[in-house]
Protein backbone atom coordinates (compact mmCIF):
# COMPACT_ATOMS: atom_id res chain seq x y z
CA VAL A 1 59.24 -8.51 -14.81
CA THR A 2 56.57 -6.72 -12.94
CA ASP A 3 56.77 -3.84 -10.45
CA GLY A 4 53.10 -4.90 -8.94
CA GLU A 5 49.99 -6.88 -9.77
CA PRO A 6 48.08 -7.08 -12.65
CA SER A 7 46.39 -3.24 -13.25
CA ASP A 8 43.99 -1.70 -15.84
CA VAL A 9 42.59 2.04 -16.07
CA ASP A 10 39.30 0.65 -17.43
CA VAL A 11 38.86 -2.10 -14.94
CA LYS A 12 39.12 -1.76 -11.15
CA ASP A 13 38.20 -5.19 -9.90
CA ALA A 14 41.62 -6.46 -8.66
CA ASN A 15 40.02 -10.02 -8.94
CA TYR A 16 39.10 -10.20 -12.65
CA LEU A 17 42.44 -8.77 -13.59
CA ILE A 18 44.13 -11.27 -11.62
CA GLU A 19 42.18 -13.89 -13.23
CA ASP A 20 42.41 -12.25 -16.71
CA THR A 21 46.31 -12.15 -16.41
CA ALA A 22 46.77 -16.24 -14.96
CA ARG A 23 44.33 -17.13 -18.23
CA ALA A 24 46.47 -15.48 -20.56
CA VAL A 25 49.86 -17.21 -18.87
CA ARG A 26 48.09 -20.69 -19.15
CA GLU A 27 47.30 -19.60 -23.11
CA ILE A 28 50.79 -19.05 -23.54
CA THR A 29 52.18 -21.93 -21.57
CA GLY A 30 49.64 -24.13 -23.81
CA GLY A 31 51.20 -22.31 -26.97
CA GLY A 32 54.77 -23.68 -25.67
CA ILE A 33 55.90 -20.60 -24.11
CA ILE A 34 57.04 -21.16 -20.43
CA PRO A 35 56.64 -17.76 -18.65
CA PHE A 36 58.34 -16.60 -15.49
CA CYS A 37 57.54 -13.67 -13.60
CA LEU A 38 60.35 -11.51 -11.72
CA THR A 39 58.22 -9.23 -9.14
CA VAL A 40 60.00 -6.47 -6.66
CA ASP A 41 56.19 -6.11 -5.10
CA LYS A 42 56.10 -6.61 -1.71
CA LYS A 43 52.37 -7.73 -2.12
CA ALA A 44 53.11 -10.14 -4.58
CA GLU A 45 52.55 -13.31 -2.49
CA ARG A 46 48.91 -12.39 -2.42
CA TYR A 47 48.63 -13.21 -5.99
CA VAL A 48 51.54 -13.91 -7.78
CA ALA A 49 51.24 -17.79 -7.31
CA HIS A 50 47.73 -17.88 -8.72
CA ILE A 51 48.78 -16.33 -11.76
CA PHE A 52 52.31 -17.94 -12.29
CA GLY A 53 52.28 -21.08 -10.34
CA ASP A 54 55.83 -22.08 -8.77
CA ARG A 55 57.24 -19.99 -12.09
CA TYR A 56 58.33 -16.74 -10.21
CA LEU A 57 60.63 -15.01 -7.90
CA LEU A 58 60.02 -12.51 -5.38
CA LEU A 59 62.89 -9.85 -5.75
CA ASP A 60 63.02 -8.40 -2.40
CA ASN A 61 66.48 -6.68 -2.35
CA PRO A 62 67.12 -4.83 -6.34
CA GLN A 63 70.96 -5.09 -5.36
CA ASP A 64 70.79 -9.31 -5.55
CA LEU A 65 69.34 -8.83 -9.32
CA VAL A 66 72.23 -10.52 -10.74
CA THR A 67 72.41 -13.27 -8.04
CA GLN A 68 68.67 -13.63 -8.43
CA LEU A 69 68.77 -13.72 -12.31
CA SER A 70 70.99 -16.53 -12.30
CA GLN A 71 68.56 -18.30 -9.83
CA VAL A 72 65.92 -17.96 -12.59
CA PHE A 73 68.04 -19.50 -15.25
CA VAL A 74 69.13 -22.60 -13.41
CA ARG A 75 65.37 -23.05 -12.21
CA LEU A 76 64.30 -22.79 -16.04
CA LEU A 77 66.74 -25.26 -17.42
CA SER A 78 66.12 -27.68 -14.67
CA ARG A 79 62.77 -27.96 -16.03
């Protein structure tokens, strides 16, 4: 679950942070963990697919959280 794009107080290059996060996701995927991102960041489409591929969901309205989470579980179980 995230509220925004990757950030770090020591690194100002947003592209580096996105690439670093994508690499971490690839590494854990290779280790048998299937990551899935749920984000409330309205700007996430700019970077989230690069990091997570098709394993993400943009939550436009927090009031839809319960409904959206059920959809996430269905997507994960159908893989």
